Full PDB file with SEQRES, HELIX, SHEET, SSBOND, CRYST1, ORIGX, SCALE, CONECT and MASTER records, all heavy atoms in Angstrom:
SEQRES   1 A   42  ASP VAL GLY LEU GLU ILE PHE VAL HIS GLY ALA MET CYS          
SEQRES   2 A   42  MET SER TYR SER GLY ARG CYS LEU LEU SER ASN PHE ILE          
SEQRES   3 A   42  THR GLY ARG PRO ALA ASN ARG GLY ALA CYS ALA GLN LEU          
SEQRES   4 A   42  CYS ARG TRP                                                  
HELIX    1 AA1 LEU A   22  THR A   27  1                                   6    
HELIX    2 AA2 ALA A   31  ARG A   33  5                                   3    
HELIX    3 AA3 LEU A   39  ARG A   41  5                                   3    
CRYST1    1.000    1.000    1.000  90.00  90.00  90.00 P 1           1          
ORIGX1      1.000000  0.000000  0.000000        0.00000                         
ORIGX2      0.000000  1.000000  0.000000        0.00000                         
ORIGX3      0.000000  0.000000  1.000000        0.00000                         
SCALE1      1.000000  0.000000  0.000000        0.00000                         
SCALE2      0.000000  1.000000  0.000000        0.00000                         
SCALE3      0.000000  0.000000  1.000000        0.00000                         
ATOM      1  N   ASP A   1       0.804  -1.224   0.000  1.00  0.00           N  
ATOM      2  CA  ASP A   1       0.000   0.000   0.000  1.00  0.00           C  
ATOM      3  C   ASP A   1       0.837   1.274   0.000  1.00  0.00           C  
ATOM      4  O   ASP A   1       0.402   2.312   0.484  1.00  0.00           O  
ATOM      5  CB  ASP A   1      -0.957   0.004   1.201  1.00  0.00           C  
ATOM      6  CG  ASP A   1      -0.229  -0.154   2.531  1.00  0.00           C  
ATOM      7  OD1 ASP A   1       0.978  -0.488   2.514  1.00  0.00           O  
ATOM      8  OD2 ASP A   1      -0.862   0.059   3.583  1.00  0.00           O  
ATOM      9  N   VAL A   2       2.047   1.205  -0.541  1.00  0.00           N  
ATOM     10  CA  VAL A   2       2.880   2.392  -0.699  1.00  0.00           C  
ATOM     11  C   VAL A   2       3.538   2.320  -2.075  1.00  0.00           C  
ATOM     12  O   VAL A   2       3.831   1.227  -2.572  1.00  0.00           O  
ATOM     13  CB  VAL A   2       3.954   2.487   0.411  1.00  0.00           C  
ATOM     14  CG1 VAL A   2       4.910   1.301   0.352  1.00  0.00           C  
ATOM     15  CG2 VAL A   2       4.726   3.805   0.321  1.00  0.00           C  
ATOM     16  N   GLY A   3       3.724   3.462  -2.714  1.00  0.00           N  
ATOM     17  CA  GLY A   3       4.342   3.470  -4.028  1.00  0.00           C  
ATOM     18  C   GLY A   3       5.805   3.063  -3.969  1.00  0.00           C  
ATOM     19  O   GLY A   3       6.532   3.452  -3.053  1.00  0.00           O  
ATOM     20  N   LEU A   4       6.245   2.287  -4.964  1.00  0.00           N  
ATOM     21  CA  LEU A   4       7.641   1.877  -5.076  1.00  0.00           C  
ATOM     22  C   LEU A   4       8.163   2.247  -6.457  1.00  0.00           C  
ATOM     23  O   LEU A   4       7.517   1.958  -7.468  1.00  0.00           O  
ATOM     24  CB  LEU A   4       7.799   0.369  -4.858  1.00  0.00           C  
ATOM     25  CG  LEU A   4       7.410  -0.177  -3.485  1.00  0.00           C  
ATOM     26  CD1 LEU A   4       7.576  -1.692  -3.455  1.00  0.00           C  
ATOM     27  CD2 LEU A   4       8.243   0.471  -2.379  1.00  0.00           C  
ATOM     28  N   GLU A   5       9.326   2.886  -6.470  1.00  0.00           N  
ATOM     29  CA  GLU A   5       9.936   3.347  -7.717  1.00  0.00           C  
ATOM     30  C   GLU A   5      11.323   2.751  -7.851  1.00  0.00           C  
ATOM     31  O   GLU A   5      12.065   2.656  -6.864  1.00  0.00           O  
ATOM     32  CB  GLU A   5      10.011   4.872  -7.698  1.00  0.00           C  
ATOM     33  CG  GLU A   5      10.623   5.516  -8.927  1.00  0.00           C  
ATOM     34  CD  GLU A   5      10.550   7.030  -8.832  1.00  0.00           C  
ATOM     35  OE1 GLU A   5       9.422   7.552  -8.756  1.00  0.00           O  
ATOM     36  OE2 GLU A   5      11.612   7.680  -8.784  1.00  0.00           O  
ATOM     37  N   ILE A   6      11.692   2.361  -9.073  1.00  0.00           N  
ATOM     38  CA  ILE A   6      13.027   1.816  -9.314  1.00  0.00           C  
ATOM     39  C   ILE A   6      13.636   2.497 -10.528  1.00  0.00           C  
ATOM     40  O   ILE A   6      12.938   2.954 -11.424  1.00  0.00           O  
ATOM     41  CB  ILE A   6      13.010   0.290  -9.531  1.00  0.00           C  
ATOM     42  CG1 ILE A   6      12.159  -0.074 -10.760  1.00  0.00           C  
ATOM     43  CG2 ILE A   6      12.522  -0.435  -8.295  1.00  0.00           C  
ATOM     44  CD1 ILE A   6      12.248  -1.530 -11.151  1.00  0.00           C  
ATOM     45  N   PHE A   7      14.962   2.552 -10.555  1.00  0.00           N  
ATOM     46  CA  PHE A   7      15.685   3.043 -11.721  1.00  0.00           C  
ATOM     47  C   PHE A   7      15.753   1.944 -12.768  1.00  0.00           C  
ATOM     48  O   PHE A   7      16.052   0.788 -12.445  1.00  0.00           O  
ATOM     49  CB  PHE A   7      17.103   3.462 -11.343  1.00  0.00           C  
ATOM     50  CG  PHE A   7      17.205   4.811 -10.703  1.00  0.00           C  
ATOM     51  CD1 PHE A   7      17.039   4.953  -9.334  1.00  0.00           C  
ATOM     52  CD2 PHE A   7      17.448   5.941 -11.466  1.00  0.00           C  
ATOM     53  CE1 PHE A   7      17.126   6.198  -8.739  1.00  0.00           C  
ATOM     54  CE2 PHE A   7      17.538   7.191 -10.880  1.00  0.00           C  
ATOM     55  CZ  PHE A   7      17.379   7.328  -9.508  1.00  0.00           C  
ATOM     56  N   VAL A   8      15.483   2.305 -14.014  1.00  0.00           N  
ATOM     57  CA  VAL A   8      15.602   1.331 -15.108  1.00  0.00           C  
ATOM     58  C   VAL A   8      16.678   1.707 -16.108  1.00  0.00           C  
ATOM     59  O   VAL A   8      17.119   0.865 -16.896  1.00  0.00           O  
ATOM     60  CB  VAL A   8      14.267   1.143 -15.857  1.00  0.00           C  
ATOM     61  CG1 VAL A   8      13.239   0.470 -14.973  1.00  0.00           C  
ATOM     62  CG2 VAL A   8      13.753   2.462 -16.418  1.00  0.00           C  
ATOM     63  N   HIS A   9      17.129   2.985 -16.085  1.00  0.00           N  
ATOM     64  CA  HIS A   9      18.094   3.391 -17.105  1.00  0.00           C  
ATOM     65  C   HIS A   9      18.891   4.601 -16.637  1.00  0.00           C  
ATOM     66  O   HIS A   9      18.330   5.521 -16.038  1.00  0.00           O  
ATOM     67  CB  HIS A   9      17.379   3.754 -18.410  1.00  0.00           C  
ATOM     68  CG  HIS A   9      18.270   3.753 -19.607  1.00  0.00           C  
ATOM     69  ND1 HIS A   9      18.419   2.656 -20.425  1.00  0.00           N  
ATOM     70  CD2 HIS A   9      19.094   4.702 -20.110  1.00  0.00           C  
ATOM     71  CE1 HIS A   9      19.277   2.936 -21.387  1.00  0.00           C  
ATOM     72  NE2 HIS A   9      19.706   4.170 -21.222  1.00  0.00           N  
ATOM     73  N   GLY A  10      20.211   4.588 -16.912  1.00  0.00           N  
ATOM     74  CA  GLY A  10      21.038   5.750 -16.621  1.00  0.00           C  
ATOM     75  C   GLY A  10      22.376   5.397 -16.013  1.00  0.00           C  
ATOM     76  O   GLY A  10      22.736   4.227 -15.873  1.00  0.00           O  
ATOM     77  N   ALA A  11      23.121   6.420 -15.664  1.00  0.00           N  
ATOM     78  CA  ALA A  11      24.468   6.248 -15.125  1.00  0.00           C  
ATOM     79  C   ALA A  11      24.434   5.534 -13.779  1.00  0.00           C  
ATOM     80  O   ALA A  11      23.496   5.689 -12.999  1.00  0.00           O  
ATOM     81  CB  ALA A  11      25.148   7.608 -14.976  1.00  0.00           C  
ATOM     82  N   MET A  12      25.461   4.760 -13.529  1.00  0.00           N  
ATOM     83  CA  MET A  12      25.638   4.076 -12.246  1.00  0.00           C  
ATOM     84  C   MET A  12      26.788   4.715 -11.493  1.00  0.00           C  
ATOM     85  O   MET A  12      27.854   4.966 -12.067  1.00  0.00           O  
ATOM     86  CB  MET A  12      25.947   2.595 -12.462  1.00  0.00           C  
ATOM     87  CG  MET A  12      24.761   1.779 -12.936  1.00  0.00           C  
ATOM     88  SD  MET A  12      23.515   1.563 -11.655  1.00  0.00           S  
ATOM     89  CE  MET A  12      24.387   0.502 -10.503  1.00  0.00           C  
ATOM     90  N   CYS A  13      26.578   4.972 -10.204  1.00  0.00           N  
ATOM     91  CA  CYS A  13      27.654   5.506  -9.366  1.00  0.00           C  
ATOM     92  C   CYS A  13      28.554   4.366  -8.922  1.00  0.00           C  
ATOM     93  O   CYS A  13      28.077   3.317  -8.491  1.00  0.00           O  
ATOM     94  CB  CYS A  13      27.070   6.227  -8.157  1.00  0.00           C  
ATOM     95  SG  CYS A  13      28.316   6.966  -7.101  1.00  0.00           S  
ATOM     96  N   MET A  14      29.875   4.577  -9.033  1.00  0.00           N  
ATOM     97  CA  MET A  14      30.825   3.546  -8.621  1.00  0.00           C  
ATOM     98  C   MET A  14      30.777   3.340  -7.119  1.00  0.00           C  
ATOM     99  O   MET A  14      31.039   2.260  -6.605  1.00  0.00           O  
ATOM    100  CB  MET A  14      32.240   3.967  -9.042  1.00  0.00           C  
ATOM    101  CG  MET A  14      33.323   2.973  -8.691  1.00  0.00           C  
ATOM    102  SD  MET A  14      33.091   1.396  -9.531  1.00  0.00           S  
ATOM    103  CE  MET A  14      34.337   0.422  -8.706  1.00  0.00           C  
ATOM    104  N   SER A  15      30.387   4.387  -6.378  1.00  0.00           N  
ATOM    105  CA  SER A  15      30.264   4.297  -4.937  1.00  0.00           C  
ATOM    106  C   SER A  15      28.844   3.853  -4.583  1.00  0.00           C  
ATOM    107  O   SER A  15      28.188   3.191  -5.379  1.00  0.00           O  
ATOM    108  CB  SER A  15      30.606   5.645  -4.308  1.00  0.00           C  
ATOM    109  OG  SER A  15      30.586   5.564  -2.911  1.00  0.00           O  
ATOM    110  N   TYR A  16      28.356   4.269  -3.438  1.00  0.00           N  
ATOM    111  CA  TYR A  16      27.065   3.799  -2.957  1.00  0.00           C  
ATOM    112  C   TYR A  16      26.008   4.864  -3.186  1.00  0.00           C  
ATOM    113  O   TYR A  16      25.761   5.730  -2.368  1.00  0.00           O  
ATOM    114  CB  TYR A  16      27.148   3.444  -1.466  1.00  0.00           C  
ATOM    115  CG  TYR A  16      26.053   2.558  -0.974  1.00  0.00           C  
ATOM    116  CD1 TYR A  16      26.139   1.180  -1.092  1.00  0.00           C  
ATOM    117  CD2 TYR A  16      24.905   3.090  -0.407  1.00  0.00           C  
ATOM    118  CE1 TYR A  16      25.143   0.338  -0.636  1.00  0.00           C  
ATOM    119  CE2 TYR A  16      23.886   2.266   0.042  1.00  0.00           C  
ATOM    120  CZ  TYR A  16      24.011   0.887  -0.061  1.00  0.00           C  
ATOM    121  OH  TYR A  16      23.009   0.068   0.382  1.00  0.00           O  
ATOM    122  N   SER A  17      25.360   4.811  -4.372  1.00  0.00           N  
ATOM    123  CA  SER A  17      24.264   5.718  -4.718  1.00  0.00           C  
ATOM    124  C   SER A  17      24.555   7.171  -4.380  1.00  0.00           C  
ATOM    125  O   SER A  17      23.822   7.826  -3.639  1.00  0.00           O  
ATOM    126  CB  SER A  17      22.974   5.269  -4.034  1.00  0.00           C  
ATOM    127  OG  SER A  17      22.477   4.106  -4.623  1.00  0.00           O  
ATOM    128  N   GLY A  18      25.658   7.687  -4.906  1.00  0.00           N  
ATOM    129  CA  GLY A  18      25.939   9.105  -4.741  1.00  0.00           C  
ATOM    130  C   GLY A  18      26.591   9.504  -3.448  1.00  0.00           C  
ATOM    131  O   GLY A  18      26.728  10.685  -3.148  1.00  0.00           O  
ATOM    132  N   ARG A  19      27.054   8.546  -2.654  1.00  0.00           N  
ATOM    133  CA  ARG A  19      27.679   8.862  -1.371  1.00  0.00           C  
ATOM    134  C   ARG A  19      29.192   9.022  -1.477  1.00  0.00           C  
ATOM    135  O   ARG A  19      29.877   9.133  -0.476  1.00  0.00           O  
ATOM    136  CB  ARG A  19      27.374   7.750  -0.357  1.00  0.00           C  
ATOM    137  CG  ARG A  19      25.912   7.574  -0.056  1.00  0.00           C  
ATOM    138  CD  ARG A  19      25.412   8.663   0.852  1.00  0.00           C  
ATOM    139  NE  ARG A  19      24.033   8.444   1.245  1.00  0.00           N  
ATOM    140  CZ  ARG A  19      23.466   9.007   2.290  1.00  0.00           C  
ATOM    141  NH1 ARG A  19      24.161   9.843   3.036  1.00  0.00           N  
ATOM    142  NH2 ARG A  19      22.209   8.779   2.574  1.00  0.00           N  
ATOM    143  N   CYS A  20      29.717   9.012  -2.673  1.00  0.00           N  
ATOM    144  CA  CYS A  20      31.163   9.048  -2.890  1.00  0.00           C  
ATOM    145  C   CYS A  20      31.770  10.369  -2.415  1.00  0.00           C  
ATOM    146  O   CYS A  20      31.229  11.439  -2.669  1.00  0.00           O  
ATOM    147  CB  CYS A  20      31.449   8.843  -4.372  1.00  0.00           C  
ATOM    148  SG  CYS A  20      33.189   8.832  -4.797  1.00  0.00           S  
ATOM    149  N   LEU A  21      32.920  10.285  -1.730  1.00  0.00           N  
ATOM    150  CA  LEU A  21      33.632  11.471  -1.265  1.00  0.00           C  
ATOM    151  C   LEU A  21      34.829  11.808  -2.147  1.00  0.00           C  
ATOM    152  O   LEU A  21      35.505  12.800  -1.913  1.00  0.00           O  
ATOM    153  CB  LEU A  21      34.120  11.262   0.173  1.00  0.00           C  
ATOM    154  CG  LEU A  21      33.035  11.162   1.246  1.00  0.00           C  
ATOM    155  CD1 LEU A  21      33.678  10.884   2.602  1.00  0.00           C  
ATOM    156  CD2 LEU A  21      32.212  12.428   1.311  1.00  0.00           C  
ATOM    157  N   LEU A  22      35.098  10.969  -3.171  1.00  0.00           N  
ATOM    158  CA  LEU A  22      36.305  11.134  -3.978  1.00  0.00           C  
ATOM    159  C   LEU A  22      36.336  12.493  -4.667  1.00  0.00           C  
ATOM    160  O   LEU A  22      37.352  13.192  -4.659  1.00  0.00           O  
ATOM    161  CB  LEU A  22      36.378  10.005  -5.012  1.00  0.00           C  
ATOM    162  CG  LEU A  22      37.704   9.816  -5.752  1.00  0.00           C  
ATOM    163  CD1 LEU A  22      38.819   9.490  -4.775  1.00  0.00           C  
ATOM    164  CD2 LEU A  22      37.568   8.697  -6.780  1.00  0.00           C  
ATOM    165  N   SER A  23      35.221  12.893  -5.266  1.00  0.00           N  
ATOM    166  CA  SER A  23      35.165  14.171  -5.974  1.00  0.00           C  
ATOM    167  C   SER A  23      35.410  15.342  -5.030  1.00  0.00           C  
ATOM    168  O   SER A  23      36.191  16.249  -5.318  1.00  0.00           O  
ATOM    169  CB  SER A  23      33.802  14.330  -6.665  1.00  0.00           C  
ATOM    170  OG  SER A  23      33.685  15.597  -7.263  1.00  0.00           O  
ATOM    171  N   ASN A  24      34.754  15.326  -3.888  1.00  0.00           N  
ATOM    172  CA  ASN A  24      34.905  16.413  -2.916  1.00  0.00           C  
ATOM    173  C   ASN A  24      36.333  16.465  -2.385  1.00  0.00           C  
ATOM    174  O   ASN A  24      36.925  17.542  -2.227  1.00  0.00           O  
ATOM    175  CB  ASN A  24      33.924  16.201  -1.761  1.00  0.00           C  
ATOM    176  CG  ASN A  24      33.591  17.496  -1.045  1.00  0.00           C  
ATOM    177  OD1 ASN A  24      34.273  18.498  -1.210  1.00  0.00           O  
ATOM    178  ND2 ASN A  24      32.548  17.479  -0.249  1.00  0.00           N  
ATOM    179  N   PHE A  25      36.916  15.310  -2.145  1.00  0.00           N  
ATOM    180  CA  PHE A  25      38.247  15.232  -1.546  1.00  0.00           C  
ATOM    181  C   PHE A  25      39.316  15.766  -2.491  1.00  0.00           C  
ATOM    182  O   PHE A  25      40.236  16.473  -2.093  1.00  0.00           O  
ATOM    183  CB  PHE A  25      38.540  13.771  -1.186  1.00  0.00           C  
ATOM    184  CG  PHE A  25      39.806  13.579  -0.388  1.00  0.00           C  
ATOM    185  CD1 PHE A  25      39.840  13.860   0.968  1.00  0.00           C  
ATOM    186  CD2 PHE A  25      40.957  13.119  -0.987  1.00  0.00           C  
ATOM    187  CE1 PHE A  25      40.996  13.690   1.710  1.00  0.00           C  
ATOM    188  CE2 PHE A  25      42.120  12.935  -0.263  1.00  0.00           C  
ATOM    189  CZ  PHE A  25      42.136  13.227   1.090  1.00  0.00           C  
ATOM    190  N   ILE A  26      39.193  15.441  -3.802  1.00  0.00           N  
ATOM    191  CA  ILE A  26      40.245  15.797  -4.752  1.00  0.00           C  
ATOM    192  C   ILE A  26      39.984  17.130  -5.441  1.00  0.00           C  
ATOM    193  O   ILE A  26      40.912  17.920  -5.648  1.00  0.00           O  
ATOM    194  CB  ILE A  26      40.406  14.676  -5.801  1.00  0.00           C  
ATOM    195  CG1 ILE A  26      40.925  13.405  -5.120  1.00  0.00           C  
ATOM    196  CG2 ILE A  26      41.355  15.093  -6.917  1.00  0.00           C  
ATOM    197  CD1 ILE A  26      41.083  12.221  -6.045  1.00  0.00           C  
ATOM    198  N   THR A  27      38.732  17.414  -5.792  1.00  0.00           N  
ATOM    199  CA  THR A  27      38.430  18.623  -6.578  1.00  0.00           C  
ATOM    200  C   THR A  27      37.638  19.677  -5.821  1.00  0.00           C  
ATOM    201  O   THR A  27      37.475  20.791  -6.311  1.00  0.00           O  
ATOM    202  CB  THR A  27      37.632  18.253  -7.848  1.00  0.00           C  
ATOM    203  OG1 THR A  27      36.312  17.833  -7.474  1.00  0.00           O  
ATOM    204  CG2 THR A  27      38.327  17.151  -8.629  1.00  0.00           C  
ATOM    205  N   GLY A  28      37.094  19.319  -4.653  1.00  0.00           N  
ATOM    206  CA  GLY A  28      36.265  20.266  -3.916  1.00  0.00           C  
ATOM    207  C   GLY A  28      34.847  20.341  -4.440  1.00  0.00           C  
ATOM    208  O   GLY A  28      34.064  21.185  -3.998  1.00  0.00           O  
ATOM    209  N   ARG A  29      34.493  19.478  -5.378  1.00  0.00           N  
ATOM    210  CA  ARG A  29      33.131  19.462  -5.927  1.00  0.00           C  
ATOM    211  C   ARG A  29      32.347  18.326  -5.277  1.00  0.00           C  
ATOM    212  O   ARG A  29      32.630  17.150  -5.513  1.00  0.00           O  
ATOM    213  CB  ARG A  29      33.179  19.294  -7.448  1.00  0.00           C  
ATOM    214  CG  ARG A  29      33.721  20.512  -8.168  1.00  0.00           C  
ATOM    215  CD  ARG A  29      34.028  20.246  -9.616  1.00  0.00           C  
ATOM    216  NE  ARG A  29      32.912  19.630 -10.333  1.00  0.00           N  
ATOM    217  CZ  ARG A  29      32.958  19.303 -11.626  1.00  0.00           C  
ATOM    218  NH1 ARG A  29      34.065  19.529 -12.330  1.00  0.00           N  
ATOM    219  NH2 ARG A  29      31.920  18.754 -12.211  1.00  0.00           N  
ATOM    220  N   PRO A  30      31.346  18.632  -4.439  1.00  0.00           N  
ATOM    221  CA  PRO A  30      30.662  17.596  -3.660  1.00  0.00           C  
ATOM    222  C   PRO A  30      29.662  16.790  -4.476  1.00  0.00           C  
ATOM    223  O   PRO A  30      28.746  17.346  -5.091  1.00  0.00           O  
ATOM    224  CB  PRO A  30      29.939  18.399  -2.569  1.00  0.00           C  
ATOM    225  CG  PRO A  30      29.730  19.747  -3.171  1.00  0.00           C  
ATOM    226  CD  PRO A  30      30.897  19.985  -4.080  1.00  0.00           C  
ATOM    227  N   ALA A  31      29.824  15.476  -4.488  1.00  0.00           N  
ATOM    228  CA  ALA A  31      28.885  14.601  -5.185  1.00  0.00           C  
ATOM    229  C   ALA A  31      27.502  14.680  -4.563  1.00  0.00           C  
ATOM    230  O   ALA A  31      26.490  14.598  -5.257  1.00  0.00           O  
ATOM    231  CB  ALA A  31      29.392  13.159  -5.152  1.00  0.00           C  
ATOM    232  N   ASN A  32      27.439  14.853  -3.254  1.00  0.00           N  
ATOM    233  CA  ASN A  32      26.153  14.883  -2.582  1.00  0.00           C  
ATOM    234  C   ASN A  32      25.422  16.205  -2.758  1.00  0.00           C  
ATOM    235  O   ASN A  32      24.353  16.408  -2.184  1.00  0.00           O  
ATOM    236  CB  ASN A  32      26.330  14.576  -1.080  1.00  0.00           C  
ATOM    237  CG  ASN A  32      26.705  13.130  -0.863  1.00  0.00           C  
ATOM    238  OD1 ASN A  32      26.543  12.312  -1.760  1.00  0.00           O  
ATOM    239  ND2 ASN A  32      27.200  12.800   0.306  1.00  0.00           N  
ATOM    240  N   ARG A  33      25.994  17.110  -3.533  1.00  0.00           N  
ATOM    241  CA  ARG A  33      25.292  18.318  -3.957  1.00  0.00           C  
ATOM    242  C   ARG A  33      25.148  18.333  -5.474  1.00  0.00           C  
ATOM    243  O   ARG A  33      24.864  19.361  -6.074  1.00  0.00           O  
ATOM    244  CB  ARG A  33      26.052  19.571  -3.501  1.00  0.00           C  
ATOM    245  CG  ARG A  33      25.978  19.824  -2.016  1.00  0.00           C  
ATOM    246  CD  ARG A  33      24.653  20.492  -1.651  1.00  0.00           C  
ATOM    247  NE  ARG A  33      24.574  20.789  -0.245  1.00  0.00           N  
ATOM    248  CZ  ARG A  33      23.691  21.622   0.296  1.00  0.00           C  
ATOM    249  NH1 ARG A  33      22.811  22.226  -0.458  1.00  0.00           N  
ATOM    250  NH2 ARG A  33      23.670  21.828   1.592  1.00  0.00           N  
ATOM    251  N   GLY A  34      25.372  17.176  -6.083  1.00  0.00           N  
ATOM    252  CA  GLY A  34      25.174  17.066  -7.520  1.00  0.00           C  
ATOM    253  C   GLY A  34      26.281  17.649  -8.368  1.00  0.00           C  
ATOM    254  O   GLY A  34      26.098  17.856  -9.566  1.00  0.00           O  
ATOM    255  N   ALA A  35      27.434  17.948  -7.774  1.00  0.00           N  
ATOM    256  CA  ALA A  35      28.527  18.578  -8.522  1.00  0.00           C  
ATOM    257  C   ALA A  35      29.669  17.605  -8.779  1.00  0.00           C  
ATOM    258  O   ALA A  35      30.812  18.010  -8.947  1.00  0.00           O  
ATOM    259  CB  ALA A  35      29.036  19.801  -7.765  1.00  0.00           C  
ATOM    260  N   CYS A  36      29.369  16.318  -8.803  1.00  0.00           N  
ATOM    261  CA  CYS A  36      30.398  15.295  -8.923  1.00  0.00           C  
ATOM    262  C   CYS A  36      31.259  15.488 -10.177  1.00  0.00           C  
ATOM    263  O   CYS A  36      30.747  15.719 -11.271  1.00  0.00           O  
ATOM    264  CB  CYS A  36      29.753  13.914  -8.958  1.00  0.00           C  
ATOM    265  SG  CYS A  36      30.955  12.572  -8.984  1.00  0.00           S  
ATOM    266  N   ALA A  37      32.584  15.416 -10.008  1.00  0.00           N  
ATOM    267  CA  ALA A  37      33.518  15.534 -11.132  1.00  0.00           C  
ATOM    268  C   ALA A  37      33.716  14.202 -11.844  1.00  0.00           C  
ATOM    269  O   ALA A  37      34.477  14.113 -12.798  1.00  0.00           O  
ATOM    270  CB  ALA A  37      34.870  16.054 -10.632  1.00  0.00           C  
ATOM    271  N   GLN A  38      33.041  13.152 -11.362  1.00  0.00           N  
ATOM    272  CA  GLN A  38      33.095  11.811 -11.942  1.00  0.00           C  
ATOM    273  C   GLN A  38      34.529  11.306 -12.078  1.00  0.00           C  
ATOM    274  O   GLN A  38      34.973  10.896 -13.146  1.00  0.00           O  
ATOM    275  CB  GLN A  38      32.375  11.771 -13.289  1.00  0.00           C  
ATOM    276  CG  GLN A  38      30.876  11.977 -13.175  1.00  0.00           C  
ATOM    277  CD  GLN A  38      30.118  11.532 -14.401  1.00  0.00           C  
ATOM    278  OE1 GLN A  38      30.637  11.546 -15.506  1.00  0.00           O  
ATOM    279  NE2 GLN A  38      28.880  11.126 -14.216  1.00  0.00           N  
ATOM    280  N   LEU A  39      35.245  11.342 -10.972  1.00  0.00           N  
ATOM    281  CA  LEU A  39      36.621  10.845 -10.973  1.00  0.00           C  
ATOM    282  C   LEU A  39      36.689   9.349 -11.252  1.00  0.00           C  
ATOM    283  O   LEU A  39      37.735   8.836 -11.637  1.00  0.00           O  
ATOM    284  CB  LEU A  39      37.308  11.159  -9.640  1.00  0.00           C  
ATOM    285  CG  LEU A  39      37.908  12.571  -9.545  1.00  0.00           C  
ATOM    286  CD1 LEU A  39      36.824  13.598  -9.291  1.00  0.00           C  
ATOM    287  CD2 LEU A  39      38.973  12.644  -8.471  1.00  0.00           C  
ATOM    288  N   CYS A  40      35.579   8.652 -11.063  1.00  0.00           N  
ATOM    289  CA  CYS A  40      35.574   7.220 -11.361  1.00  0.00           C  
ATOM    290  C   CYS A  40      35.687   6.958 -12.860  1.00  0.00           C  
ATOM    291  O   CYS A  40      35.951   5.832 -13.279  1.00  0.00           O  
ATOM    292  CB  CYS A  40      34.310   6.570 -10.796  1.00  0.00           C  
ATOM    293  SG  CYS A  40      32.777   7.349 -11.334  1.00  0.00           S  
ATOM    294  N   ARG A  41      35.480   7.993 -13.688  1.00  0.00           N  
ATOM    295  CA  ARG A  41      35.614   7.815 -15.139  1.00  0.00           C  
ATOM    296  C   ARG A  41      37.021   8.138 -15.624  1.00  0.00           C  
ATOM    297  O   ARG A  41      37.306   8.012 -16.807  1.00  0.00           O  
ATOM    298  CB  ARG A  41      34.627   8.727 -15.871  1.00  0.00           C  
ATOM    299  CG  ARG A  41      33.203   8.675 -15.362  1.00  0.00           C  
ATOM    300  CD  ARG A  41      32.554   7.334 -15.558  1.00  0.00           C  
ATOM    301  NE  ARG A  41      31.173   7.356 -15.109  1.00  0.00           N  
ATOM    302  CZ  ARG A  41      30.469   6.295 -14.814  1.00  0.00           C  
ATOM    303  NH1 ARG A  41      31.015   5.093 -14.911  1.00  0.00           N  
ATOM    304  NH2 ARG A  41      29.224   6.389 -14.410  1.00  0.00           N  
ATOM    305  N   TRP A  42      37.878   8.614 -14.735  1.00  0.00           N  
ATOM    306  CA  TRP A  42      39.216   9.032 -15.145  1.00  0.00           C  
ATOM    307  C   TRP A  42      40.121   7.827 -15.391  1.00  0.00           C  
ATOM    308  O   TRP A  42      39.912   6.741 -14.860  1.00  0.00           O  
ATOM    309  CB  TRP A  42      39.848   9.927 -14.077  1.00  0.00           C  
ATOM    310  CG  TRP A  42      39.169  11.265 -13.930  1.00  0.00           C  
ATOM    311  CD1 TRP A  42      37.984  11.649 -14.464  1.00  0.00           C  
ATOM    312  CD2 TRP A  42      39.652  12.367 -13.164  1.00  0.00           C  
ATOM    313  NE1 TRP A  42      37.684  12.931 -14.084  1.00  0.00           N  
ATOM    314  CE2 TRP A  42      38.689  13.399 -13.292  1.00  0.00           C  
ATOM    315  CE3 TRP A  42      40.788  12.597 -12.398  1.00  0.00           C  
ATOM    316  CZ2 TRP A  42      38.841  14.635 -12.665  1.00  0.00           C  
ATOM    317  CZ3 TRP A  42      40.936  13.825 -11.779  1.00  0.00           C  
ATOM    318  CH2 TRP A  42      39.974  14.834 -11.923  1.00  0.00           C  
TER     319      TRP A  42                                                      
MASTER        0    0    0    3    0    0    0    6  318    1    0    4          
END                                                                             
């Protein structure tokens, strides 16, 4: 009796659903504010 939503298509985070600190630590761009530099693609 509650709505359930799932992702079916799109980018996957190498960390745990956007909890990665790598971007913030190296570039100062926080993933948890949507500014991820996507260092996992480097």
